[in-house]
């Protein structure tokens, strides 16, 4: 008899080091007669998300096919959907405590540097009616909002992650209601991170939702340093148009995607620096002044120019057709031509630069149009520029280093891809908003383990952090969690008996290499006998 083993032993070891079951059972005791505690159930749910994500009603089937009983000591029948739901109900009132305690444990157990943390939020679509009157207001309310997946027909919940620059580990995770505004969650995240970091100071990097008078004021008052892009509305185009890239300082940094390109084809960043002041309408509120880093990106500029050229080309095609059709069967009157011009200008986004006239030629309307080169030149002068705001003193990070810190924000974006990809956070199928919040928090725990495993493999590889054997062509690459779990996922366990002990079937050398890097000796595991 064989069962899928996959990465279950690795997941179990990391869950043990994080003491997930112990932390859950401390706040959610399951009773002396319980065959399996809430903590054990939550660990099994985390393991399911890491190895073969399944709806709650299918977790029992997963446990029968995988070596869950052999690794976690839990019989498959004890993981029915009713038992899983009761575990989710039990942890729901304690989600922040559990997440905070596990995050702090990860910092201490794995020695994670929290000097820089990247914060962002994302949304998950939820299937079901979830009427407002049937939801528990003590938990995040499922509702309509601004979904990142563009499923405006579905209600949603949101999650916020704070990811360490050291290894991209999501040490802080919170669940929010579908209609929660991201700008209003920044201060709460900052307080949680301060508590987690303890006496150690940290730098909070976020997107433009961080920048509001109240948020910046709270961060400055708390002594928490931050970096975030200035919202577009707070820096006028005239500011960028007056800047000269040639006068800016070149930043000695190359994006990973350009590392193998010749120097002349690599993206180049240049920076200037001044200050930015935030004010409030109330006169008694003091102005807040922070550093402003003005950044010019050659790739950003090229992208904007290409997009503008494409818009102008499509608009030109549409307008030329309209010019030819003016006075014909479909556009006999000036009013119809003007209406069509409005549609074209809005669709192709050329309203600001399009100039046109409709004249009468012996009763036939004639269209003439052109693009205003002055407007186009003004738009081109702004291409490639954006601004970062920061409270980091210049003697601790100059303008170039501030930009490099901000560029680490891509780490949290990558973790959301893992969150919604391998860990299959969406769509969510549960019946109560309390359970929705608990299930998403469980998946956040799975993401934590997912990322810790990647971090340990890379650290064990040394400074280069690359290895071969992950791809058929045997090229050297940095291992990702997805590839690690893919290769370990093919491990199987042959169930033995008293005279024939269980054996793990390893088919490729890369599996042994990964297990060695993870310091997991599954050959020494005490498999129960059948």
Protein backbone atom coordinates (compact mmCIF):
# COMPACT_ATOMS: atom_id res chain seq x y z
CA UNK A 1 0.00 0.00 0.00
CA UNK A 2 1.30 3.45 -0.87
CA UNK A 3 0.36 6.97 0.18
CA UNK A 4 1.47 10.37 -1.07
CA UNK A 5 4.06 11.77 1.29
CA UNK A 6 5.12 14.89 -0.56
CA UNK A 7 6.33 17.74 1.64
CA UNK A 8 4.25 16.68 4.66
CA UNK A 9 7.31 15.87 6.85
CA UNK A 10 8.87 19.24 5.98
CA UNK A 11 5.63 21.09 6.72
CA UNK A 12 5.23 19.21 9.99
CA UNK A 13 8.75 20.16 11.08
CA UNK A 14 8.23 23.85 10.37
CA UNK A 15 4.82 23.82 12.09
CA UNK A 16 6.48 22.21 15.11
CA UNK A 17 9.17 24.89 15.21
CA UNK A 18 6.47 27.56 15.00
CA UNK A 19 4.45 25.74 17.69
CA UNK A 20 1.22 26.41 15.80
CA UNK A 21 -0.71 23.63 17.55
CA UNK A 22 0.51 24.70 20.99
CA UNK A 23 -0.34 28.37 20.39
CA UNK A 24 -3.83 27.50 19.12
CA UNK A 25 -4.53 25.02 21.93
CA UNK A 26 -3.45 27.54 24.55
CA UNK A 27 -6.29 29.90 23.61
CA UNK A 28 -8.72 27.25 22.26
CA UNK A 29 -8.54 24.16 24.50
CA UNK A 30 -10.44 21.30 22.90
CA UNK A 31 -11.41 19.34 26.02
CA UNK A 32 -9.82 16.36 27.73
CA UNK A 33 -11.84 13.80 25.77
CA UNK A 34 -11.13 15.26 22.33
CA UNK A 35 -9.58 12.77 19.91
CA UNK A 36 -7.88 15.63 18.11
CA UNK A 37 -7.32 19.17 19.38
CA UNK A 38 -8.15 22.38 17.58
CA UNK A 39 -4.43 23.02 17.20
CA UNK A 40 -3.89 19.67 15.48
CA UNK A 41 -6.81 20.34 13.11
CA UNK A 42 -5.42 23.77 12.19
CA UNK A 43 -2.00 22.23 11.49
CA UNK A 44 -3.67 19.67 9.22
CA UNK A 45 -5.51 22.46 7.38
CA UNK A 46 -2.23 24.31 6.89
CA UNK A 47 -0.60 21.11 5.59
CA UNK A 48 -3.48 20.61 3.17
CA UNK A 49 -3.02 24.10 1.72
CA UNK A 50 0.69 23.50 1.32
CA UNK A 51 0.42 20.14 -0.43
CA UNK A 52 -2.95 19.78 -2.20
CA UNK A 53 -5.46 22.58 -1.43
CA UNK A 54 -9.01 21.25 -1.14
CA UNK A 55 -12.44 22.54 -0.05
CA UNK A 56 -13.30 21.65 3.53
CA UNK A 57 -15.60 18.81 2.39
CA UNK A 58 -12.65 17.20 0.54
CA UNK A 59 -9.99 17.45 3.24
CA UNK A 60 -10.94 14.05 4.67
CA UNK A 61 -10.40 12.45 1.25
CA UNK A 62 -7.02 14.19 1.00
CA UNK A 63 -6.02 12.82 4.40
CA UNK A 64 -6.84 9.27 3.28
CA UNK A 65 -4.70 9.50 0.15
CA UNK A 66 -1.83 11.35 1.79
CA UNK A 67 0.28 10.17 4.73
CA UNK A 68 -1.47 12.51 7.18
CA UNK A 69 -2.00 9.87 9.84
CA UNK A 70 1.61 8.71 9.55
CA UNK A 71 3.07 12.24 9.79
CA UNK A 72 0.59 14.13 12.00
CA UNK A 73 -0.96 11.22 13.90
CA UNK A 74 -4.51 12.19 12.86
CA UNK A 75 -6.92 9.65 11.41
CA UNK A 76 -8.55 10.83 8.20
CA UNK A 77 -12.06 10.40 9.62
CA UNK A 78 -11.33 13.00 12.28
CA UNK A 79 -10.87 15.65 9.57
CA UNK A 80 -14.46 15.71 8.34
CA UNK A 81 -15.92 19.07 7.34
CA UNK A 82 -17.94 19.36 10.58
CA UNK A 83 -14.78 19.01 12.70
CA UNK A 84 -12.92 21.48 10.51
CA UNK A 85 -15.74 24.01 10.81
CA UNK A 86 -15.74 23.70 14.61
CA UNK A 87 -12.01 24.36 14.68
CA UNK A 88 -12.45 27.46 12.52
CA UNK A 89 -15.25 28.67 14.82
CA UNK A 90 -13.00 28.11 17.84
CA UNK A 91 -10.06 30.14 16.55
CA UNK A 92 -12.14 32.94 14.99
CA UNK A 93 -12.26 35.13 18.16
CA UNK A 94 -8.48 34.77 18.60
CA UNK A 95 -7.14 35.34 15.09
CA UNK A 96 -5.05 38.42 15.86
CA UNK A 97 -3.50 36.79 18.95
CA UNK A 98 -2.69 33.58 17.06
CA UNK A 99 -1.25 35.40 14.05
CA UNK A 100 0.79 37.80 16.19
CA UNK A 101 2.16 35.06 18.42
CA UNK A 102 3.11 32.80 15.52
CA UNK A 103 4.72 35.76 13.72
CA UNK A 104 6.78 36.64 16.78
CA UNK A 105 7.75 33.01 17.16
CA UNK A 106 8.95 32.93 13.54
CA UNK A 107 11.15 35.97 14.13
CA UNK A 108 12.83 34.38 17.13
CA UNK A 109 13.01 30.79 15.90
CA UNK A 110 14.33 31.57 12.42
CA UNK A 111 16.28 34.75 13.20
CA UNK A 112 14.39 36.92 10.72
CA UNK A 113 15.57 40.51 10.34
CA UNK A 114 12.58 42.86 10.67
CA UNK A 115 14.47 46.10 9.98
CA UNK A 116 12.39 46.60 6.82
CA UNK A 117 8.81 45.43 6.32
CA UNK A 118 6.66 45.76 3.19
CA UNK A 119 2.91 46.24 3.72
CA UNK A 120 0.07 45.83 1.23
CA UNK A 121 -3.53 44.60 0.99
CA UNK A 122 -5.37 42.40 -1.48
CA UNK A 123 -8.91 41.11 -1.95
CA UNK A 124 -10.48 37.65 -2.35
CA UNK A 125 -13.83 36.97 -3.97
CA UNK A 126 -16.37 35.03 -1.89
CA UNK A 127 -19.15 32.92 -3.40
CA UNK A 128 -22.51 33.11 -1.69
CA UNK A 129 -25.18 35.65 -0.77
CA UNK A 130 -23.84 36.65 2.68
CA UNK A 131 -26.72 39.04 3.49
CA UNK A 132 -25.69 41.83 5.84
CA UNK A 133 -28.27 40.89 8.46
CA UNK A 134 -26.91 37.34 8.67
CA UNK A 135 -23.30 38.27 9.39
CA UNK A 136 -21.54 38.62 12.72
CA UNK A 137 -20.40 42.23 13.10
CA UNK A 138 -17.59 41.14 15.43
CA UNK A 139 -15.79 39.70 12.42
CA UNK A 140 -14.82 41.10 9.00
CA UNK A 141 -18.02 41.62 7.05
CA UNK A 142 -18.21 40.10 3.58
CA UNK A 143 -19.32 42.80 1.17
CA UNK A 144 -18.73 44.65 -2.06
CA UNK A 145 -15.59 46.73 -2.51
CA UNK A 146 -12.88 47.30 -5.10
CA UNK A 147 -11.77 43.76 -6.04
CA UNK A 148 -8.28 43.26 -7.44
CA UNK A 149 -9.57 40.41 -9.64
CA UNK A 150 -12.20 42.70 -11.22
CA UNK A 151 -15.05 40.40 -10.13
CA UNK A 152 -17.43 43.21 -9.30
CA UNK A 153 -20.31 40.74 -9.34
CA UNK A 154 -18.97 38.97 -6.24
CA UNK A 155 -18.64 40.06 -2.63
CA UNK A 156 -15.19 39.99 -1.10
CA UNK A 157 -13.00 40.03 1.96
CA UNK A 158 -9.52 41.51 2.16
CA UNK A 159 -6.20 40.54 3.68
CA UNK A 160 -3.24 42.66 4.67
CA UNK A 161 0.30 41.29 4.71
CA UNK A 162 3.54 42.68 6.08
CA UNK A 163 6.47 40.87 4.48
CA UNK A 164 10.05 41.01 5.72
CA UNK A 165 12.78 42.15 3.36
CA UNK A 166 14.74 39.23 4.80
CA UNK A 167 13.47 36.30 2.75
CA UNK A 168 10.07 37.77 1.91
CA UNK A 169 8.40 36.16 4.94
CA UNK A 170 4.82 37.32 5.78
CA UNK A 171 5.20 37.86 9.50
CA UNK A 172 2.03 39.91 9.92
CA UNK A 173 -1.35 39.03 8.41
CA UNK A 174 -4.83 40.39 9.10
CA UNK A 175 -8.26 39.84 7.58
CA UNK A 176 -10.51 42.83 6.80
CA UNK A 177 -14.05 43.33 5.59
CA UNK A 178 -14.83 43.65 1.90
CA UNK A 179 -15.55 47.36 2.13
CA UNK A 180 -12.62 48.33 4.36
CA UNK A 181 -10.60 51.24 2.98
CA UNK A 182 -6.89 50.44 2.70
CA UNK A 183 -5.85 53.91 3.78
CA UNK A 184 -7.56 53.41 7.16
CA UNK A 185 -5.71 50.16 7.96
CA UNK A 186 -2.16 51.56 7.89
CA UNK A 187 -2.01 52.75 11.49
CA UNK A 188 -3.33 49.45 12.82
CA UNK A 189 -0.72 47.54 10.83
CA UNK A 190 1.99 49.88 12.08
CA UNK A 191 0.99 49.27 15.72
CA UNK A 192 0.98 45.50 15.21
CA UNK A 193 4.42 45.62 13.60
CA UNK A 194 5.78 47.78 16.42
CA UNK A 195 4.57 45.25 18.97
CA UNK A 196 6.11 42.41 16.96
CA UNK A 197 9.45 44.18 16.46
CA UNK A 198 9.72 45.09 20.13
CA UNK A 199 12.61 47.43 20.86
CA UNK A 200 13.97 47.09 17.34
CA UNK A 201 13.14 49.95 15.02
CA UNK A 202 11.84 49.14 11.58
CA UNK A 203 11.14 50.74 8.23
CA UNK A 204 7.59 50.40 6.86
CA UNK A 205 7.33 50.39 3.06
CA UNK A 206 3.88 50.58 1.47
CA UNK A 207 1.99 51.85 -1.56
CA UNK A 208 0.42 55.28 -1.98
CA UNK A 209 -2.52 54.36 0.29
CA UNK A 210 -0.18 55.02 3.22
CA UNK A 211 0.08 58.70 2.35
CA UNK A 212 -2.60 60.68 4.17
CA UNK A 213 -2.22 63.42 6.74
CA UNK A 214 -3.49 61.22 9.58
CA UNK A 215 -1.35 58.22 8.63
CA UNK A 216 1.84 60.20 8.18
CA UNK A 217 1.17 62.06 11.42
CA UNK A 218 0.69 58.80 13.32
CA UNK A 219 3.87 57.28 11.86
CA UNK A 220 5.94 60.35 12.70
CA UNK A 221 4.52 60.50 16.23
CA UNK A 222 5.34 56.81 16.77
CA UNK A 223 8.85 57.22 15.43
CA UNK A 224 8.24 54.65 12.69
CA UNK A 225 10.14 55.37 9.49
CA UNK A 226 8.29 54.90 6.20
CA UNK A 227 8.65 55.01 2.42
CA UNK A 228 5.68 55.25 0.07
CA UNK A 229 4.90 56.70 -3.37
CA UNK A 230 3.24 60.09 -3.40
CA UNK A 231 -0.37 59.89 -4.70
CA UNK A 232 -0.60 61.27 -8.23
CA UNK A 233 -2.97 64.04 -7.12
CA UNK A 234 -0.40 65.40 -4.64
CA UNK A 235 2.33 66.13 -7.19
CA UNK A 236 1.31 68.21 -10.20
CA UNK A 237 2.59 67.40 -13.67
CA UNK A 238 4.17 70.85 -13.81
CA UNK A 239 6.61 69.75 -11.10
CA UNK A 240 7.82 66.80 -13.16
CA UNK A 241 7.84 68.77 -16.42
CA UNK A 242 10.30 71.25 -14.92
CA UNK A 243 12.81 68.53 -14.03
CA UNK A 244 15.82 67.63 -16.15
CA UNK A 245 16.85 63.94 -16.00
CA UNK A 246 20.37 64.93 -16.99
CA UNK A 247 20.73 66.84 -13.71
CA UNK A 248 19.61 63.87 -11.61
CA UNK A 249 21.92 61.35 -9.93
CA UNK A 250 22.18 57.89 -11.49
CA UNK A 251 21.31 55.12 -9.01
CA UNK A 252 23.77 52.21 -8.91
CA UNK A 253 21.12 49.48 -9.01
CA UNK A 254 19.87 47.08 -11.68
CA UNK A 255 16.57 45.19 -11.55
CA UNK A 256 16.93 41.39 -11.51
CA UNK A 257 15.09 41.15 -14.83
CA UNK A 258 17.83 43.23 -16.49
CA UNK A 259 20.83 41.55 -14.88
CA UNK A 260 21.72 39.52 -18.01
CA UNK A 261 21.16 42.38 -20.47
CA UNK A 262 23.99 44.51 -21.88
CA UNK A 263 24.41 47.80 -19.98
CA UNK A 264 22.88 49.93 -22.73
CA UNK A 265 19.61 47.95 -22.57
CA UNK A 266 19.21 47.98 -18.80
CA UNK A 267 16.68 50.17 -17.05
CA UNK A 268 18.29 53.26 -15.56
CA UNK A 269 17.05 55.17 -12.52
CA UNK A 270 17.94 58.76 -11.67
CA UNK A 271 16.94 60.64 -8.54
CA UNK A 272 16.55 64.19 -7.28
CA UNK A 273 15.47 65.27 -3.82
CA UNK A 274 13.40 68.04 -2.24
CA UNK A 275 10.65 68.18 0.39
CA UNK A 276 6.90 67.64 0.44
CA UNK A 277 4.41 69.16 2.88
CA UNK A 278 1.06 67.66 3.86
CA UNK A 279 -1.63 69.92 5.28
CA UNK A 280 -5.16 69.58 6.62
CA UNK A 281 -8.06 71.97 6.15
CA UNK A 282 -8.18 72.73 9.88
CA UNK A 283 -5.90 75.63 10.70
CA UNK A 284 -4.86 74.20 14.06
CA UNK A 285 -3.28 71.12 12.47
CA UNK A 286 0.45 71.71 11.91
CA UNK A 287 1.88 71.00 8.44
CA UNK A 288 3.91 67.81 8.08
CA UNK A 289 7.09 68.04 6.01
CA UNK A 290 8.94 64.95 4.77
CA UNK A 291 11.63 64.18 2.23
CA UNK A 292 10.52 63.75 -1.38
CA UNK A 293 12.57 61.63 -3.76
CA UNK A 294 11.86 62.40 -7.41
CA UNK A 295 12.60 59.31 -9.49
CA UNK A 296 13.06 58.99 -13.25
CA UNK A 297 12.90 55.53 -14.83
CA UNK A 298 13.92 54.98 -18.45
CA UNK A 299 11.72 51.88 -18.69
CA UNK A 300 8.76 53.76 -17.23
CA UNK A 301 9.32 56.58 -19.72
CA UNK A 302 9.58 54.17 -22.65
CA UNK A 303 6.42 52.39 -21.55
CA UNK A 304 4.47 55.63 -21.30
CA UNK A 305 5.71 56.73 -24.72
CA UNK A 306 4.77 53.40 -26.30
CA UNK A 307 1.32 53.48 -24.72
CA UNK A 308 0.75 57.05 -25.95
CA UNK A 309 1.85 56.16 -29.47
CA UNK A 310 -0.52 53.22 -29.49
CA UNK A 311 -3.43 55.37 -28.29
CA UNK A 312 -2.70 58.03 -30.88
CA UNK A 313 -2.40 55.46 -33.66
CA UNK A 314 -5.76 53.89 -32.81
CA UNK A 315 -7.39 57.31 -32.45
CA UNK A 316 -5.93 58.36 -35.80
CA UNK A 317 -7.39 55.27 -37.46
CA UNK A 318 -10.83 55.91 -35.94
CA UNK A 319 -10.80 59.61 -36.79
CA UNK A 320 -9.67 59.02 -40.37
CA UNK A 321 -12.58 56.63 -40.86
CA UNK A 322 -14.93 59.22 -39.40
CA UNK A 323 -13.49 61.92 -41.67
CA UNK A 324 -14.19 59.74 -44.71
CA UNK A 325 -17.68 58.84 -43.48
CA UNK A 326 -18.67 62.45 -42.64
CA UNK A 327 -21.67 63.46 -44.71
CA UNK A 328 -22.45 59.84 -45.55
CA UNK A 329 -25.44 57.71 -44.59
CA UNK A 330 -24.46 57.25 -40.91
CA UNK A 331 -23.02 60.71 -40.24
CA UNK A 332 -25.22 63.08 -42.21
CA UNK A 333 -25.39 65.76 -39.50
CA UNK A 334 -22.91 67.69 -37.40
CA UNK A 335 -24.52 66.37 -34.22
CA UNK A 336 -23.82 62.74 -35.14
CA UNK A 337 -20.21 63.51 -36.02
CA UNK A 338 -19.67 65.39 -32.75
CA UNK A 339 -21.18 62.52 -30.78
CA UNK A 340 -18.86 60.03 -32.48
CA UNK A 341 -15.83 62.26 -31.82
CA UNK A 342 -16.70 62.24 -28.13
CA UNK A 343 -16.83 58.43 -28.11
CA UNK A 344 -13.48 58.12 -29.88
CA UNK A 345 -11.77 60.71 -27.65
CA UNK A 346 -12.98 59.00 -24.47
CA UNK A 347 -12.23 55.46 -25.63
CA UNK A 348 -8.74 56.29 -26.89
CA UNK A 349 -8.04 58.76 -24.06
CA UNK A 350 -7.04 61.65 -26.36
CA UNK A 351 -9.52 64.26 -25.14
CA UNK A 352 -6.80 66.59 -23.85
CA UNK A 353 -4.83 66.75 -27.10
CA UNK A 354 -7.51 66.32 -29.78
CA UNK A 355 -8.49 69.47 -31.69
CA UNK A 356 -11.26 69.34 -34.31
CA UNK A 357 -13.73 71.38 -36.33
CA UNK A 358 -16.83 70.47 -38.30
CA UNK A 359 -17.63 72.86 -41.16
CA UNK A 360 -20.45 72.99 -43.68
CA UNK A 361 -19.64 72.49 -47.36
CA UNK A 362 -22.81 73.09 -49.39
CA UNK A 363 -24.89 71.28 -46.81
CA UNK A 364 -22.39 68.46 -46.24
CA UNK A 365 -20.54 68.37 -42.90
CA UNK A 366 -16.74 68.16 -43.19
CA UNK A 367 -14.49 67.05 -40.33
CA UNK A 368 -10.96 68.37 -39.82
CA UNK A 369 -8.83 67.35 -36.84
CA UNK A 370 -5.29 67.24 -35.46
CA UNK A 371 -3.41 66.50 -32.24
CA UNK A 372 -2.04 69.47 -30.28
CA UNK A 373 1.74 69.01 -30.30
CA UNK A 374 2.11 71.39 -27.37
CA UNK A 375 -0.05 69.16 -25.18
CA UNK A 376 1.76 66.02 -26.38
CA UNK A 377 5.16 67.57 -25.65
CA UNK A 378 3.99 68.54 -22.16
CA UNK A 379 2.82 64.97 -21.53
CA UNK A 380 6.13 63.57 -22.82
CA UNK A 381 8.07 65.81 -20.42
CA UNK A 382 6.40 64.04 -17.50
CA UNK A 383 7.12 60.51 -18.76
CA UNK A 384 9.17 58.35 -16.44
CA UNK A 385 8.84 60.51 -13.33
CA UNK A 386 7.25 59.61 -10.00
CA UNK A 387 7.83 60.62 -6.39
CA UNK A 388 8.54 58.78 -3.15
CA UNK A 389 7.88 60.24 0.28
CA UNK A 390 9.94 59.17 3.27
CA UNK A 391 10.71 60.03 6.86
CA UNK A 392 14.08 58.27 6.77
CA UNK A 393 16.83 60.81 7.51
CA UNK A 394 19.21 61.52 4.63
CA UNK A 395 22.21 60.41 6.70
CA UNK A 396 20.62 56.96 7.07
CA UNK A 397 19.54 56.50 3.44
CA UNK A 398 20.32 58.85 0.57
CA UNK A 399 17.91 59.29 -2.33
CA UNK A 400 19.28 56.30 -4.25
CA UNK A 401 19.18 53.97 -1.25
CA UNK A 402 15.62 55.10 -0.49
CA UNK A 403 14.59 54.04 -4.00
CA UNK A 404 16.32 50.67 -3.58
CA UNK A 405 14.44 50.08 -0.31
CA UNK A 406 11.16 50.88 -2.04
CA UNK A 407 11.91 48.51 -4.91
CA UNK A 408 11.66 45.66 -2.41
CA UNK A 409 7.90 46.25 -2.47
CA UNK A 410 7.74 43.72 -5.29
CA UNK A 411 8.31 41.05 -2.64
CA UNK A 412 4.86 41.46 -1.13
CA UNK A 413 3.34 41.42 -4.62
CA UNK A 414 5.03 38.06 -5.27
CA UNK A 415 3.66 36.68 -2.01
CA UNK A 416 0.13 37.59 -3.06
CA UNK A 417 0.72 35.56 -6.24
CA UNK A 418 1.65 32.60 -4.02
CA UNK A 419 -1.36 33.31 -1.81
CA UNK A 420 -3.76 33.13 -4.75
CA UNK A 421 -1.82 30.55 -6.76
CA UNK A 422 -0.32 27.47 -5.08
CA UNK A 423 -2.22 28.03 -1.81
CA UNK A 424 -5.52 28.61 -3.64
CA UNK A 425 -7.00 31.21 -1.32
CA UNK A 426 -9.78 32.04 -3.79
CA UNK A 427 -12.55 31.36 -4.36
CA UNK A 428 -13.72 30.92 -0.76
CA UNK A 429 -16.66 28.58 -0.11
CA UNK A 430 -17.81 28.72 3.53
CA UNK A 431 -21.14 29.65 5.06
CA UNK A 432 -20.39 32.31 7.66
CA UNK A 433 -18.22 35.42 7.69
CA UNK A 434 -16.68 34.19 10.95
CA UNK A 435 -15.41 31.08 9.19
CA UNK A 436 -14.32 33.09 6.15
CA UNK A 437 -12.01 35.15 8.37
CA UNK A 438 -10.67 32.07 10.16
CA UNK A 439 -10.02 30.14 6.94
CA UNK A 440 -8.15 33.04 5.35
CA UNK A 441 -6.04 33.41 8.49
CA UNK A 442 -5.20 29.70 8.28
CA UNK A 443 -4.10 30.18 4.68
CA UNK A 444 -1.94 33.09 5.84
CA UNK A 445 -0.25 30.66 8.26
CA UNK A 446 0.28 28.31 5.32
CA UNK A 447 1.86 31.17 3.38
CA UNK A 448 4.20 31.83 6.32
CA UNK A 449 5.41 28.21 6.28
CA UNK A 450 5.58 28.27 2.46
CA UNK A 451 7.93 31.27 2.55
CA UNK A 452 10.03 30.06 5.50
CA UNK A 453 10.81 26.89 3.57
CA UNK A 454 11.97 28.92 0.55
CA UNK A 455 14.08 31.15 2.80
CA UNK A 456 15.78 28.20 4.50
CA UNK A 457 16.66 26.51 1.20
CA UNK A 458 18.16 29.71 -0.19
CA UNK A 459 20.14 30.46 2.96
CA UNK A 460 21.48 26.90 3.01
CA UNK A 461 22.71 27.32 -0.57
CA UNK A 462 25.06 30.14 0.42
CA UNK A 463 25.61 33.62 -1.05
CA UNK A 464 24.67 32.72 -4.64
CA UNK A 465 21.38 31.10 -3.55
CA UNK A 466 21.19 29.07 -6.76
CA UNK A 467 21.02 25.35 -7.49
CA UNK A 468 20.61 23.02 -10.47
CA UNK A 469 18.20 20.15 -10.98
CA UNK A 470 14.96 22.10 -10.62
CA UNK A 471 14.38 22.39 -14.39
CA UNK A 472 14.89 19.82 -17.15
CA UNK A 473 17.74 21.80 -18.74
CA UNK A 474 19.59 21.67 -15.40
CA UNK A 475 20.31 25.41 -15.38
CA UNK A 476 21.17 27.06 -12.07
CA UNK A 477 18.34 29.14 -10.62
CA UNK A 478 17.18 30.51 -7.31
CA UNK A 479 14.73 27.95 -5.90
CA UNK A 480 11.19 29.16 -5.28
CA UNK A 481 8.64 27.67 -2.92
CA UNK A 482 6.61 26.48 -5.89
CA UNK A 483 9.50 24.47 -7.32
CA UNK A 484 10.48 23.09 -3.91
CA UNK A 485 6.96 21.79 -3.25
CA UNK A 486 6.66 20.54 -6.83
CA UNK A 487 9.69 18.28 -6.51
CA UNK A 488 8.97 17.12 -2.96
CA UNK A 489 5.35 16.51 -3.94
CA UNK A 490 6.31 13.32 -5.78
CA UNK A 491 7.64 11.58 -2.67
CA UNK A 492 5.61 8.52 -1.69
CA UNK A 493 5.44 6.35 1.42
CA UNK A 494 5.12 2.59 1.13
CA UNK A 495 3.26 1.42 4.19
CA UNK A 496 4.91 -1.59 5.81
CA UNK A 497 4.26 -3.88 8.76
CA UNK A 498 6.20 -5.34 11.66
CA UNK A 499 8.52 -7.34 9.43
CA UNK A 500 8.54 -4.86 6.56
CA UNK A 501 9.05 -1.30 7.88
CA UNK A 502 7.67 1.68 5.93
CA UNK A 503 9.95 3.13 3.32
CA UNK A 504 10.06 6.47 1.54
CA UNK A 505 10.44 6.21 -2.22
CA UNK A 506 12.76 8.89 -3.59
CA UNK A 507 13.04 8.98 -7.36
CA UNK A 508 15.33 11.94 -8.06
CA UNK A 509 18.51 13.35 -6.61
CA UNK A 510 17.06 16.84 -6.37
CA UNK A 511 14.62 15.55 -3.75
CA UNK A 512 17.47 14.37 -1.53
CA UNK A 513 19.27 17.67 -2.09
CA UNK A 514 16.22 19.69 -1.02
CA UNK A 515 15.65 17.54 2.05
CA UNK A 516 19.30 18.03 3.00
CA UNK A 517 19.03 21.81 2.54
CA UNK A 518 15.90 21.79 4.71
CA UNK A 519 17.70 19.67 7.32
CA UNK A 520 14.87 17.12 7.19
CA UNK A 521 15.87 13.47 7.54
CA UNK A 522 12.67 11.63 6.78
CA UNK A 523 14.53 8.32 6.99
CA UNK A 524 14.76 8.77 10.77
CA UNK A 525 11.05 9.51 11.20
CA UNK A 526 9.24 6.97 13.35
CA UNK A 527 6.45 5.85 11.07
CA UNK A 528 3.66 3.99 12.91
CA UNK A 529 3.39 0.31 12.09
CA UNK A 530 0.23 -1.24 10.62
